[in-house]
N, C-alpha and C. Protein backbone atom coordinates (compact mmCIF):
# COMPACT_ATOMS: atom_id res chain seq x y z
N MET A 1 0.85 -1.18 0.00
CA MET A 1 0.00 0.00 0.00
C MET A 1 0.89 1.24 0.00
N LEU A 2 0.71 2.13 -0.94
CA LEU A 2 1.43 3.39 -0.96
C LEU A 2 0.83 4.33 0.06
N SER A 3 1.67 5.09 0.72
CA SER A 3 1.19 6.04 1.69
C SER A 3 2.15 7.21 1.74
N PHE A 4 1.63 8.41 1.70
CA PHE A 4 2.49 9.58 1.83
C PHE A 4 1.69 10.74 2.37
N CYS A 5 2.40 11.70 2.89
CA CYS A 5 1.77 12.91 3.40
C CYS A 5 2.74 14.05 3.17
N CYS A 6 2.28 15.09 2.58
CA CYS A 6 3.13 16.25 2.38
C CYS A 6 2.25 17.47 2.21
N CYS A 7 2.85 18.63 2.35
CA CYS A 7 2.13 19.85 2.06
C CYS A 7 2.31 20.16 0.59
N LEU A 8 1.39 20.89 0.01
CA LEU A 8 1.44 21.18 -1.41
C LEU A 8 2.67 22.00 -1.79
N ASN A 9 3.27 22.69 -0.82
CA ASN A 9 4.43 23.51 -1.10
C ASN A 9 5.69 22.67 -1.32
N SER A 10 5.68 21.40 -0.92
CA SER A 10 6.86 20.57 -1.09
C SER A 10 6.64 19.60 -2.26
N CYS A 11 7.72 19.08 -2.77
CA CYS A 11 7.64 18.17 -3.91
C CYS A 11 7.74 16.74 -3.41
N TRP A 12 6.86 15.91 -3.85
CA TRP A 12 6.89 14.49 -3.50
C TRP A 12 7.34 13.73 -4.72
N GLN A 13 8.36 12.93 -4.54
CA GLN A 13 8.87 12.10 -5.62
C GLN A 13 8.78 10.65 -5.18
N PRO A 14 8.17 9.78 -5.99
CA PRO A 14 8.08 8.37 -5.60
C PRO A 14 9.46 7.72 -5.62
N THR A 15 9.66 6.78 -4.69
CA THR A 15 10.91 6.02 -4.70
C THR A 15 10.85 5.04 -5.86
N GLU A 16 11.98 4.41 -6.15
CA GLU A 16 12.01 3.45 -7.25
C GLU A 16 11.05 2.30 -6.98
N GLU A 17 10.98 1.87 -5.71
CA GLU A 17 10.07 0.78 -5.34
C GLU A 17 8.62 1.18 -5.58
N GLU A 18 8.27 2.42 -5.22
CA GLU A 18 6.90 2.89 -5.40
C GLU A 18 6.55 3.06 -6.86
N SER A 19 7.50 3.49 -7.68
CA SER A 19 7.20 3.68 -9.08
C SER A 19 7.02 2.34 -9.80
N LEU A 20 7.54 1.26 -9.22
CA LEU A 20 7.35 -0.07 -9.80
C LEU A 20 6.08 -0.73 -9.30
N TYR A 21 5.39 -0.06 -8.38
CA TYR A 21 4.18 -0.60 -7.78
C TYR A 21 3.14 -0.81 -8.87
N ASP A 22 2.66 -2.05 -9.02
CA ASP A 22 1.73 -2.32 -10.11
C ASP A 22 0.31 -2.57 -9.63
N GLY A 23 0.05 -2.34 -8.35
CA GLY A 23 -1.30 -2.53 -7.82
C GLY A 23 -2.15 -1.29 -8.03
N VAL A 24 -3.31 -1.29 -7.45
CA VAL A 24 -4.22 -0.15 -7.54
C VAL A 24 -3.67 0.96 -6.66
N GLU A 25 -3.65 2.17 -7.18
CA GLU A 25 -3.14 3.30 -6.40
C GLU A 25 -4.13 3.67 -5.30
N ASP A 26 -3.58 4.17 -4.19
CA ASP A 26 -4.41 4.64 -3.09
C ASP A 26 -5.15 5.90 -3.50
N LEU A 27 -6.29 6.10 -2.90
CA LEU A 27 -7.02 7.34 -3.10
C LEU A 27 -6.32 8.44 -2.32
N VAL A 28 -6.34 9.63 -2.86
CA VAL A 28 -5.65 10.76 -2.25
C VAL A 28 -6.69 11.81 -1.86
N PHE A 29 -6.56 12.34 -0.65
CA PHE A 29 -7.49 13.34 -0.14
C PHE A 29 -6.73 14.56 0.33
N HIS A 30 -7.38 15.71 0.25
CA HIS A 30 -6.80 16.97 0.71
C HIS A 30 -7.37 17.30 2.08
N CYS A 31 -6.52 17.86 2.94
CA CYS A 31 -6.98 18.24 4.27
C CYS A 31 -6.31 19.54 4.70
N GLN A 32 -6.95 20.21 5.65
CA GLN A 32 -6.43 21.41 6.26
C GLN A 32 -6.87 21.44 7.71
N LEU A 33 -6.13 22.15 8.54
CA LEU A 33 -6.61 22.43 9.88
C LEU A 33 -7.69 23.50 9.75
N ALA A 34 -8.76 23.36 10.50
CA ALA A 34 -9.91 24.26 10.35
C ALA A 34 -9.56 25.70 10.68
N HIS A 35 -8.59 25.92 11.54
CA HIS A 35 -8.20 27.29 11.90
C HIS A 35 -7.15 27.86 10.95
N GLY A 36 -6.80 27.10 9.93
CA GLY A 36 -5.87 27.58 8.91
C GLY A 36 -4.55 26.83 8.92
N SER A 37 -4.11 26.41 7.75
CA SER A 37 -2.85 25.70 7.58
C SER A 37 -2.62 25.50 6.09
N PRO A 38 -1.41 25.08 5.72
CA PRO A 38 -1.22 24.66 4.32
C PRO A 38 -2.06 23.42 4.04
N THR A 39 -2.39 23.20 2.80
CA THR A 39 -3.17 22.01 2.44
C THR A 39 -2.26 20.79 2.46
N GLY A 40 -2.73 19.75 3.14
CA GLY A 40 -1.99 18.50 3.20
C GLY A 40 -2.62 17.47 2.28
N ILE A 41 -1.82 16.52 1.84
CA ILE A 41 -2.30 15.44 0.99
C ILE A 41 -2.11 14.15 1.77
N ILE A 42 -3.21 13.40 1.96
CA ILE A 42 -3.13 12.17 2.75
C ILE A 42 -3.72 11.01 1.96
N SER A 43 -3.23 9.84 2.27
CA SER A 43 -3.73 8.61 1.65
C SER A 43 -3.32 7.43 2.51
N GLY A 44 -3.78 6.26 2.13
CA GLY A 44 -3.34 5.04 2.80
C GLY A 44 -4.01 4.77 4.14
N PHE A 45 -5.27 5.13 4.28
CA PHE A 45 -6.00 4.83 5.52
C PHE A 45 -7.24 4.04 5.17
N SER A 46 -7.71 3.24 6.13
CA SER A 46 -8.89 2.43 5.87
C SER A 46 -9.99 2.63 6.91
N ASN A 47 -9.72 3.46 7.94
CA ASN A 47 -10.74 3.77 8.93
C ASN A 47 -10.45 5.15 9.53
N VAL A 48 -11.35 5.63 10.37
CA VAL A 48 -11.22 6.98 10.92
C VAL A 48 -9.99 7.10 11.82
N THR A 49 -9.70 6.08 12.60
CA THR A 49 -8.53 6.11 13.48
C THR A 49 -7.25 6.28 12.66
N GLU A 50 -7.13 5.53 11.58
CA GLU A 50 -5.96 5.66 10.71
C GLU A 50 -5.93 7.02 10.04
N LEU A 51 -7.09 7.54 9.65
CA LEU A 51 -7.17 8.87 9.06
C LEU A 51 -6.63 9.91 10.03
N TYR A 52 -7.07 9.87 11.28
CA TYR A 52 -6.60 10.81 12.29
C TYR A 52 -5.09 10.70 12.47
N GLN A 53 -4.55 9.47 12.44
CA GLN A 53 -3.11 9.27 12.57
C GLN A 53 -2.36 9.89 11.39
N LYS A 54 -2.90 9.73 10.18
CA LYS A 54 -2.28 10.30 8.99
C LYS A 54 -2.30 11.83 9.03
N ILE A 55 -3.42 12.40 9.45
CA ILE A 55 -3.53 13.85 9.56
C ILE A 55 -2.56 14.36 10.62
N ALA A 56 -2.50 13.69 11.76
CA ALA A 56 -1.59 14.09 12.84
C ALA A 56 -0.14 14.06 12.37
N ALA A 57 0.23 13.03 11.63
CA ALA A 57 1.60 12.94 11.11
C ALA A 57 1.87 14.05 10.10
N CYS A 58 0.88 14.38 9.31
CA CYS A 58 1.03 15.43 8.29
C CYS A 58 1.29 16.78 8.94
N TYR A 59 0.67 17.05 10.07
CA TYR A 59 0.79 18.35 10.72
C TYR A 59 1.63 18.30 11.99
N ASP A 60 2.39 17.23 12.18
CA ASP A 60 3.33 17.11 13.29
C ASP A 60 2.66 17.38 14.64
N MET A 61 1.62 16.60 14.92
CA MET A 61 0.91 16.71 16.18
C MET A 61 0.44 15.33 16.60
N GLU A 62 -0.10 15.22 17.78
CA GLU A 62 -0.63 13.95 18.28
C GLU A 62 -2.06 13.75 17.76
N ALA A 63 -2.40 12.53 17.42
CA ALA A 63 -3.77 12.23 16.95
C ALA A 63 -4.79 12.54 18.04
N SER A 64 -4.40 12.46 19.31
CA SER A 64 -5.32 12.76 20.41
C SER A 64 -5.71 14.23 20.47
N GLN A 65 -4.99 15.09 19.74
CA GLN A 65 -5.32 16.52 19.69
C GLN A 65 -6.46 16.82 18.73
N ILE A 66 -6.83 15.85 17.89
CA ILE A 66 -7.91 16.03 16.93
C ILE A 66 -9.24 15.77 17.62
N LEU A 67 -10.12 16.74 17.58
CA LEU A 67 -11.45 16.59 18.17
C LEU A 67 -12.40 15.90 17.20
N PHE A 68 -12.47 16.42 15.97
CA PHE A 68 -13.34 15.86 14.94
C PHE A 68 -12.95 16.46 13.61
N CYS A 69 -13.50 15.94 12.54
CA CYS A 69 -13.26 16.46 11.18
C CYS A 69 -14.60 16.77 10.53
N THR A 70 -14.60 17.80 9.70
CA THR A 70 -15.77 18.12 8.89
C THR A 70 -15.38 18.01 7.42
N LEU A 71 -16.37 17.79 6.59
CA LEU A 71 -16.14 17.67 5.15
C LEU A 71 -16.61 18.93 4.45
N ASN A 72 -15.73 19.51 3.66
CA ASN A 72 -16.03 20.63 2.78
C ASN A 72 -16.40 21.94 3.46
N THR A 73 -16.19 22.06 4.77
CA THR A 73 -16.39 23.33 5.46
C THR A 73 -15.49 23.38 6.69
N HIS A 74 -14.92 24.55 6.94
CA HIS A 74 -14.09 24.73 8.13
C HIS A 74 -14.94 25.08 9.35
N GLU A 75 -16.21 25.35 9.14
CA GLU A 75 -17.11 25.73 10.23
C GLU A 75 -17.56 24.50 11.01
N ILE A 76 -17.94 24.73 12.26
CA ILE A 76 -18.47 23.64 13.08
C ILE A 76 -19.92 23.44 12.67
N ASP A 77 -20.13 22.46 11.82
CA ASP A 77 -21.45 22.19 11.25
C ASP A 77 -21.73 20.70 11.40
N LEU A 78 -22.67 20.36 12.27
CA LEU A 78 -22.96 18.95 12.53
C LEU A 78 -23.47 18.22 11.30
N GLY A 79 -23.98 18.94 10.34
CA GLY A 79 -24.44 18.32 9.10
C GLY A 79 -23.30 17.88 8.19
N HIS A 80 -22.08 18.35 8.49
CA HIS A 80 -20.93 18.01 7.66
C HIS A 80 -19.86 17.23 8.42
N LEU A 81 -20.23 16.63 9.56
CA LEU A 81 -19.25 15.84 10.31
C LEU A 81 -18.78 14.64 9.50
N LEU A 82 -17.51 14.32 9.65
CA LEU A 82 -16.96 13.15 8.99
C LEU A 82 -17.54 11.91 9.65
N GLY A 83 -18.14 11.06 8.84
CA GLY A 83 -18.66 9.80 9.34
C GLY A 83 -17.81 8.67 8.80
N GLY A 84 -18.41 7.63 8.33
CA GLY A 84 -17.67 6.50 7.80
C GLY A 84 -17.31 6.64 6.33
N LEU A 85 -17.89 7.62 5.63
CA LEU A 85 -17.65 7.74 4.19
C LEU A 85 -17.03 9.08 3.84
N VAL A 86 -16.02 9.04 2.99
CA VAL A 86 -15.40 10.25 2.46
C VAL A 86 -15.47 10.15 0.95
N GLY A 87 -16.08 11.14 0.31
CA GLY A 87 -16.19 11.14 -1.14
C GLY A 87 -14.89 11.56 -1.81
N LEU A 88 -14.73 11.20 -3.07
CA LEU A 88 -13.51 11.51 -3.79
C LEU A 88 -13.22 13.01 -3.86
N GLY A 89 -14.24 13.83 -3.95
CA GLY A 89 -14.04 15.27 -4.04
C GLY A 89 -14.11 16.00 -2.71
N ASP A 90 -14.26 15.27 -1.62
CA ASP A 90 -14.39 15.90 -0.31
C ASP A 90 -13.06 16.46 0.18
N PHE A 91 -13.14 17.62 0.80
CA PHE A 91 -12.00 18.28 1.43
C PHE A 91 -12.17 18.12 2.93
N ILE A 92 -11.18 17.60 3.61
CA ILE A 92 -11.28 17.28 5.04
C ILE A 92 -10.71 18.44 5.85
N PHE A 93 -11.52 18.98 6.75
CA PHE A 93 -11.07 20.02 7.68
C PHE A 93 -10.99 19.42 9.08
N THR A 94 -9.84 19.59 9.71
CA THR A 94 -9.57 19.00 11.02
C THR A 94 -9.71 20.05 12.11
N HIS A 95 -10.52 19.75 13.11
CA HIS A 95 -10.73 20.62 14.25
C HIS A 95 -9.95 20.06 15.43
N CYS A 96 -9.06 20.89 15.99
CA CYS A 96 -8.14 20.44 17.03
C CYS A 96 -8.42 21.13 18.36
N LYS A 97 -7.89 20.51 19.42
CA LYS A 97 -7.97 21.11 20.74
C LYS A 97 -7.16 22.39 20.76
N GLY A 98 -7.64 23.37 21.48
CA GLY A 98 -6.91 24.63 21.62
C GLY A 98 -6.27 24.72 23.00
N ILE A 99 -5.72 25.87 23.28
CA ILE A 99 -5.10 26.11 24.58
C ILE A 99 -6.20 26.46 25.57
N ALA A 100 -6.20 25.77 26.71
CA ALA A 100 -7.21 26.03 27.74
C ALA A 100 -7.00 27.42 28.32
N GLN A 101 -8.09 28.17 28.44
CA GLN A 101 -8.03 29.51 29.02
C GLN A 101 -9.07 29.62 30.11
N GLU A 102 -8.71 30.32 31.16
CA GLU A 102 -9.65 30.56 32.26
C GLU A 102 -10.32 31.90 32.03
N ILE A 103 -11.64 31.89 32.02
CA ILE A 103 -12.41 33.11 31.84
C ILE A 103 -12.90 33.56 33.20
N VAL A 104 -12.58 34.78 33.56
CA VAL A 104 -12.93 35.30 34.88
C VAL A 104 -14.14 36.18 34.78
């Protein structure tokens, strides 16, 4: 299974082993942090837990920092929560834990 993660600003070049890969290519999805970030490219996941791990690796953070993901909107919209299905054209927005603040 091919798997990679990079930001669009960097160049990804397949290794010789990957370029000889003759199986079906993985689906590729675009993601961003909901509060703003470069667009990441993720692939090679088969469930939500693996998706969160791939996103966390892409943005150099812990998967436990991800609260939830929405599809095609950065807003907190329960109608667009990521469930078990991600469409080919869907853009994944990741909502993360913030810094705890005490309000007086």
